[in-house]
């Protein structure tokens, strides 16, 4: 019986981990976040509607489309396919939504 050389065991472990990471990355199971993934998509402003007062809007629609998914407002960009995001306020809180009807004040 000969004693195992620990260098071979260490190299085998490191090689196995590296091969696993490469395989996961190749098949799309590994995503490395980039700084541009968290960039601000666009600035939004809420226009308060007051009964009896007029406000002006552009006839050209925005390049984002919103949809309510699981109670959270999700934006889809129509110019950059695959670019989606959750609408948040300045404190990084998600903007909630309730189907198609107007939300009621909480009591």
Protein backbone atom coordinates (compact mmCIF):
# COMPACT_ATOMS: atom_id res chain seq x y z
CA UNK A 1 0.00 0.00 0.00
CA UNK A 2 1.25 3.42 -0.88
CA UNK A 3 0.07 6.67 0.69
CA UNK A 4 -1.97 8.99 -1.53
CA UNK A 5 -0.31 12.16 -2.57
CA UNK A 6 -2.49 15.06 -1.25
CA UNK A 7 -1.47 17.28 -4.18
CA UNK A 8 -3.30 14.96 -6.59
CA UNK A 9 -6.44 15.03 -4.44
CA UNK A 10 -6.41 18.83 -4.23
CA UNK A 11 -5.88 19.21 -7.99
CA UNK A 12 -8.71 16.75 -8.67
CA UNK A 13 -11.09 18.69 -6.39
CA UNK A 14 -10.19 22.05 -7.97
CA UNK A 15 -10.54 20.59 -11.47
CA UNK A 16 -13.93 19.08 -10.63
CA UNK A 17 -15.26 22.40 -9.32
CA UNK A 18 -13.92 24.27 -12.38
CA UNK A 19 -15.46 21.72 -14.78
CA UNK A 20 -18.81 21.96 -12.96
CA UNK A 21 -18.84 25.78 -13.16
CA UNK A 22 -17.96 25.69 -16.87
CA UNK A 23 -20.70 23.10 -17.58
CA UNK A 24 -23.33 25.09 -15.64
CA UNK A 25 -22.34 28.28 -17.48
CA UNK A 26 -22.41 26.57 -20.86
CA UNK A 27 -25.94 25.20 -20.36
CA UNK A 28 -27.28 28.51 -19.01
CA UNK A 29 -27.78 27.53 -15.37
CA UNK A 30 -25.24 30.08 -14.15
CA UNK A 31 -25.87 33.81 -14.49
CA UNK A 32 -23.23 36.36 -13.55
CA UNK A 33 -24.89 39.72 -12.79
CA UNK A 34 -23.41 42.71 -14.55
CA UNK A 35 -23.68 46.33 -13.38
CA UNK A 36 -25.88 47.21 -16.37
CA UNK A 37 -28.46 44.62 -15.21
CA UNK A 38 -29.48 46.97 -12.39
CA UNK A 39 -29.39 50.24 -14.30
CA UNK A 40 -32.35 52.56 -14.26
CA UNK A 41 -34.50 51.74 -17.28
CA UNK A 42 -36.38 55.04 -17.42
CA UNK A 43 -37.61 57.79 -15.14
CA UNK A 44 -41.32 57.87 -14.34
CA UNK A 45 -43.49 60.57 -12.83
CA UNK A 46 -46.97 60.15 -11.44
CA UNK A 47 -49.47 62.73 -12.61
CA UNK A 48 -52.07 63.35 -9.92
CA UNK A 49 -55.54 63.52 -11.42
CA UNK A 50 -57.85 66.12 -9.90
CA UNK A 51 -61.49 66.08 -10.97
CA UNK A 52 -62.28 69.05 -13.20
CA UNK A 53 -58.64 69.84 -14.04
CA UNK A 54 -57.07 69.12 -17.41
CA UNK A 55 -53.63 67.62 -17.89
CA UNK A 56 -51.67 67.00 -21.07
CA UNK A 57 -50.12 63.77 -22.26
CA UNK A 58 -48.04 62.97 -25.30
CA UNK A 59 -49.82 61.07 -28.06
CA UNK A 60 -46.71 58.95 -28.57
CA UNK A 61 -46.80 56.00 -26.13
CA UNK A 62 -43.84 55.07 -23.92
CA UNK A 63 -41.59 52.21 -24.98
CA UNK A 64 -42.50 50.30 -21.81
CA UNK A 65 -45.60 48.19 -21.26
CA UNK A 66 -46.77 47.32 -17.73
CA UNK A 67 -48.51 44.17 -16.55
CA UNK A 68 -49.72 43.09 -13.12
CA UNK A 69 -48.02 39.80 -12.20
CA UNK A 70 -48.61 38.34 -8.73
CA UNK A 71 -49.67 41.74 -7.42
CA UNK A 72 -46.50 43.54 -8.55
CA UNK A 73 -46.26 45.95 -11.51
CA UNK A 74 -43.77 44.52 -14.02
CA UNK A 75 -42.46 46.60 -16.94
CA UNK A 76 -41.54 45.15 -20.32
CA UNK A 77 -39.45 47.22 -22.74
CA UNK A 78 -40.71 47.02 -26.33
CA UNK A 79 -37.48 48.37 -27.88
CA UNK A 80 -35.03 46.03 -26.13
CA UNK A 81 -36.50 42.54 -26.30
CA UNK A 82 -36.07 40.51 -23.13
CA UNK A 83 -35.57 43.56 -20.92
CA UNK A 84 -38.02 43.41 -18.03
CA UNK A 85 -38.08 44.87 -14.56
CA UNK A 86 -40.17 45.56 -11.51
CA UNK A 87 -41.34 49.15 -10.98
CA UNK A 88 -40.01 50.42 -7.61
CA UNK A 89 -40.08 53.73 -5.78
CA UNK A 90 -37.03 55.67 -4.55
CA UNK A 91 -36.84 53.40 -1.48
CA UNK A 92 -36.67 50.27 -3.68
CA UNK A 93 -40.21 49.18 -2.67
CA UNK A 94 -42.15 47.40 -5.38
CA UNK A 95 -45.23 49.15 -6.77
CA UNK A 96 -48.22 46.90 -6.09
CA UNK A 97 -51.21 46.47 -8.41
CA UNK A 98 -54.73 45.10 -8.12
CA UNK A 99 -56.11 43.70 -11.38
CA UNK A 100 -58.06 46.12 -13.57
CA UNK A 101 -60.13 48.13 -11.08
CA UNK A 102 -58.92 51.25 -9.24
CA UNK A 103 -57.46 50.50 -5.77
CA UNK A 104 -59.45 51.50 -2.71
CA UNK A 105 -57.97 53.34 0.28
CA UNK A 106 -56.88 51.03 3.11
CA UNK A 107 -58.74 51.40 6.39
